[in-house]
């Protein structure tokens, strides 16, 4: 069975059990529903970390990631420049690139 389905069913089961207990105690249905939601949230957070981590791992595995992006390149260049003793040109940030492209007449307006 898929991890997200097991996790969802477990959370719904915790909510239903808490709702039934609160209704048997004699709370009004809306207070019982609010209480069951809070109890379900807390219990599932404490009792289901393994299922939650499997769901997030499956979601992360399905999500395609680029090999690298502009921010990663900038950070890598910045760290490499900071770690080396040789004088090197400062890495160019996106803000610097946009400043070069900006029209000088825009500054006068």
C-alpha atoms as a PDB file:
ATOM      1  CA  UNK A   1       0.000   0.000   0.000  1.00  0.00           C
ATOM      2  CA  UNK A   2       1.265   3.495  -0.762  1.00  0.00           C
ATOM      3  CA  UNK A   3       2.799   5.369   2.158  1.00  0.00           C
ATOM      4  CA  UNK A   4       0.595   8.448   1.748  1.00  0.00           C
ATOM      5  CA  UNK A   5      -2.544   6.312   1.821  1.00  0.00           C
ATOM      6  CA  UNK A   6      -1.469   4.500   4.994  1.00  0.00           C
ATOM      7  CA  UNK A   7      -0.544   7.816   6.633  1.00  0.00           C
ATOM      8  CA  UNK A   8      -3.871   9.411   5.660  1.00  0.00           C
ATOM      9  CA  UNK A   9      -5.880   6.438   6.896  1.00  0.00           C
ATOM     10  CA  UNK A  10      -3.945   6.391  10.167  1.00  0.00           C
ATOM     11  CA  UNK A  11      -4.611  10.089  10.743  1.00  0.00           C
ATOM     12  CA  UNK A  12      -8.295   9.680   9.916  1.00  0.00           C
ATOM     13  CA  UNK A  13      -8.492   6.712  12.275  1.00  0.00           C
ATOM     14  CA  UNK A  14      -6.926   8.718  15.092  1.00  0.00           C
ATOM     15  CA  UNK A  15      -9.367  11.561  14.434  1.00  0.00           C
ATOM     16  CA  UNK A  16     -12.358   9.208  14.361  1.00  0.00           C
ATOM     17  CA  UNK A  17     -11.314   7.489  17.600  1.00  0.00           C
ATOM     18  CA  UNK A  18     -10.795  10.820  19.369  1.00  0.00           C
ATOM     19  CA  UNK A  19     -14.125  12.107  18.029  1.00  0.00           C
ATOM     20  CA  UNK A  20     -15.957   9.010  19.257  1.00  0.00           C
ATOM     21  CA  UNK A  21     -14.411   9.292  22.727  1.00  0.00           C
ATOM     22  CA  UNK A  22     -15.265  12.989  22.995  1.00  0.00           C
ATOM     23  CA  UNK A  23     -18.838  12.400  21.837  1.00  0.00           C
ATOM     24  CA  UNK A  24     -19.280   9.575  24.356  1.00  0.00           C
ATOM     25  CA  UNK A  25     -17.998  11.896  27.091  1.00  0.00           C
ATOM     26  CA  UNK A  26     -20.860  14.213  26.204  1.00  0.00           C
ATOM     27  CA  UNK A  27     -19.292  17.154  24.400  1.00  0.00           C
ATOM     28  CA  UNK A  28     -21.319  18.940  21.768  1.00  0.00           C
ATOM     29  CA  UNK A  29     -20.499  17.783  18.259  1.00  0.00           C
ATOM     30  CA  UNK A  30     -18.638  20.963  17.241  1.00  0.00           C
ATOM     31  CA  UNK A  31     -16.463  20.997  20.386  1.00  0.00           C
ATOM     32  CA  UNK A  32     -15.837  17.288  19.922  1.00  0.00           C
ATOM     33  CA  UNK A  33     -14.778  17.864  16.305  1.00  0.00           C
ATOM     34  CA  UNK A  34     -12.408  20.679  17.267  1.00  0.00           C
ATOM     35  CA  UNK A  35     -10.974  18.638  20.126  1.00  0.00           C
ATOM     36  CA  UNK A  36     -10.610  15.550  17.949  1.00  0.00           C
ATOM     37  CA  UNK A  37      -8.771  17.568  15.312  1.00  0.00           C
ATOM     38  CA  UNK A  38      -6.309  18.881  17.902  1.00  0.00           C
ATOM     39  CA  UNK A  39      -5.880  15.484  19.544  1.00  0.00           C
ATOM     40  CA  UNK A  40      -5.443  13.849  16.141  1.00  0.00           C
ATOM     41  CA  UNK A  41      -2.806  16.392  15.179  1.00  0.00           C
ATOM     42  CA  UNK A  42      -0.824  15.890  18.365  1.00  0.00           C
ATOM     43  CA  UNK A  43      -1.107  12.100  18.444  1.00  0.00           C
ATOM     44  CA  UNK A  44      -0.200  11.706  14.778  1.00  0.00           C
ATOM     45  CA  UNK A  45       2.783  14.031  15.197  1.00  0.00           C
ATOM     46  CA  UNK A  46       4.074  11.939  18.104  1.00  0.00           C
ATOM     47  CA  UNK A  47       3.019   8.448  17.007  1.00  0.00           C
ATOM     48  CA  UNK A  48       3.561   8.516  13.231  1.00  0.00           C
ATOM     49  CA  UNK A  49       7.027   9.942  12.504  1.00  0.00           C
ATOM     50  CA  UNK A  50       8.051   6.847  10.539  1.00  0.00           C
ATOM     51  CA  UNK A  51       5.064   7.034   8.216  1.00  0.00           C
ATOM     52  CA  UNK A  52       5.496  10.791   7.831  1.00  0.00           C
ATOM     53  CA  UNK A  53       9.153  10.410   6.874  1.00  0.00           C
ATOM     54  CA  UNK A  54       8.297   7.712   4.314  1.00  0.00           C
ATOM     55  CA  UNK A  55       5.655   9.971   2.764  1.00  0.00           C
ATOM     56  CA  UNK A  56       8.053  12.906   2.537  1.00  0.00           C
ATOM     57  CA  UNK A  57      10.806  10.669   1.129  1.00  0.00           C
ATOM     58  CA  UNK A  58       8.437   9.384  -1.556  1.00  0.00           C
ATOM     59  CA  UNK A  59       7.337  12.916  -2.414  1.00  0.00           C
ATOM     60  CA  UNK A  60      10.932  14.114  -2.610  1.00  0.00           C
ATOM     61  CA  UNK A  61      11.895  11.174  -4.825  1.00  0.00           C
ATOM     62  CA  UNK A  62       9.071  11.939  -7.264  1.00  0.00           C
ATOM     63  CA  UNK A  63       9.953  15.604  -7.496  1.00  0.00           C
ATOM     64  CA  UNK A  64      12.399  16.249 -10.307  1.00  0.00           C
ATOM     65  CA  UNK A  65      15.304  18.454  -9.361  1.00  0.00           C
ATOM     66  CA  UNK A  66      17.622  20.264 -11.721  1.00  0.00           C
ATOM     67  CA  UNK A  67      21.286  19.322 -11.619  1.00  0.00           C
ATOM     68  CA  UNK A  68      22.103  22.847 -10.456  1.00  0.00           C
ATOM     69  CA  UNK A  69      20.603  26.293 -10.459  1.00  0.00           C
ATOM     70  CA  UNK A  70      21.848  29.871 -10.486  1.00  0.00           C
ATOM     71  CA  UNK A  71      21.659  30.279  -6.711  1.00  0.00           C
ATOM     72  CA  UNK A  72      23.676  27.135  -6.104  1.00  0.00           C
ATOM     73  CA  UNK A  73      26.293  28.260  -8.606  1.00  0.00           C
ATOM     74  CA  UNK A  74      26.579  31.659  -6.926  1.00  0.00           C
ATOM     75  CA  UNK A  75      26.853  30.125  -3.459  1.00  0.00           C
ATOM     76  CA  UNK A  76      29.483  27.638  -4.651  1.00  0.00           C
ATOM     77  CA  UNK A  77      31.519  30.414  -6.282  1.00  0.00           C
ATOM     78  CA  UNK A  78      31.207  32.591  -3.185  1.00  0.00           C
ATOM     79  CA  UNK A  79      32.358  29.806  -0.836  1.00  0.00           C
ATOM     80  CA  UNK A  80      35.190  28.811  -3.150  1.00  0.00           C
ATOM     81  CA  UNK A  81      36.372  32.422  -3.338  1.00  0.00           C
ATOM     82  CA  UNK A  82      36.212  32.780   0.449  1.00  0.00           C
ATOM     83  CA  UNK A  83      38.109  29.526   1.027  1.00  0.00           C
ATOM     84  CA  UNK A  84      40.982  30.220  -1.340  1.00  0.00           C
ATOM     85  CA  UNK A  85      43.946  32.400  -0.413  1.00  0.00           C
ATOM     86  CA  UNK A  86      44.481  33.617  -3.967  1.00  0.00           C
ATOM     87  CA  UNK A  87      42.870  36.906  -4.902  1.00  0.00           C
ATOM     88  CA  UNK A  88      39.903  36.145  -7.076  1.00  0.00           C
ATOM     89  CA  UNK A  89      37.179  38.131  -8.692  1.00  0.00           C
ATOM     90  CA  UNK A  90      34.114  38.487  -6.512  1.00  0.00           C
ATOM     91  CA  UNK A  91      31.287  36.225  -7.716  1.00  0.00           C
ATOM     92  CA  UNK A  92      28.599  38.104  -9.548  1.00  0.00           C
ATOM     93  CA  UNK A  93      25.197  37.983  -7.906  1.00  0.00           C
ATOM     94  CA  UNK A  94      21.853  38.192  -9.669  1.00  0.00           C
ATOM     95  CA  UNK A  95      21.431  41.719  -8.310  1.00  0.00           C
ATOM     96  CA  UNK A  96      24.722  42.740  -9.917  1.00  0.00           C
ATOM     97  CA  UNK A  97      23.682  41.196 -13.223  1.00  0.00           C
ATOM     98  CA  UNK A  98      20.395  43.089 -13.171  1.00  0.00           C
ATOM     99  CA  UNK A  99      22.116  46.350 -12.275  1.00  0.00           C
ATOM    100  CA  UNK A 100      24.269  46.045 -15.383  1.00  0.00           C
ATOM    101  CA  UNK A 101      21.189  45.490 -17.570  1.00  0.00           C
ATOM    102  CA  UNK A 102      19.224  48.347 -16.026  1.00  0.00           C
ATOM    103  CA  UNK A 103      18.707  51.366 -18.200  1.00  0.00           C
ATOM    104  CA  UNK A 104      20.565  54.429 -16.857  1.00  0.00           C
ATOM    105  CA  UNK A 105      17.645  56.651 -17.841  1.00  0.00           C
ATOM    106  CA  UNK A 106      15.449  54.794 -15.315  1.00  0.00           C
ATOM    107  CA  UNK A 107      17.600  56.164 -12.511  1.00  0.00           C
ATOM    108  CA  UNK A 108      16.916  59.759 -13.597  1.00  0.00           C
ATOM    109  CA  UNK A 109      13.137  59.422 -13.424  1.00  0.00           C
END
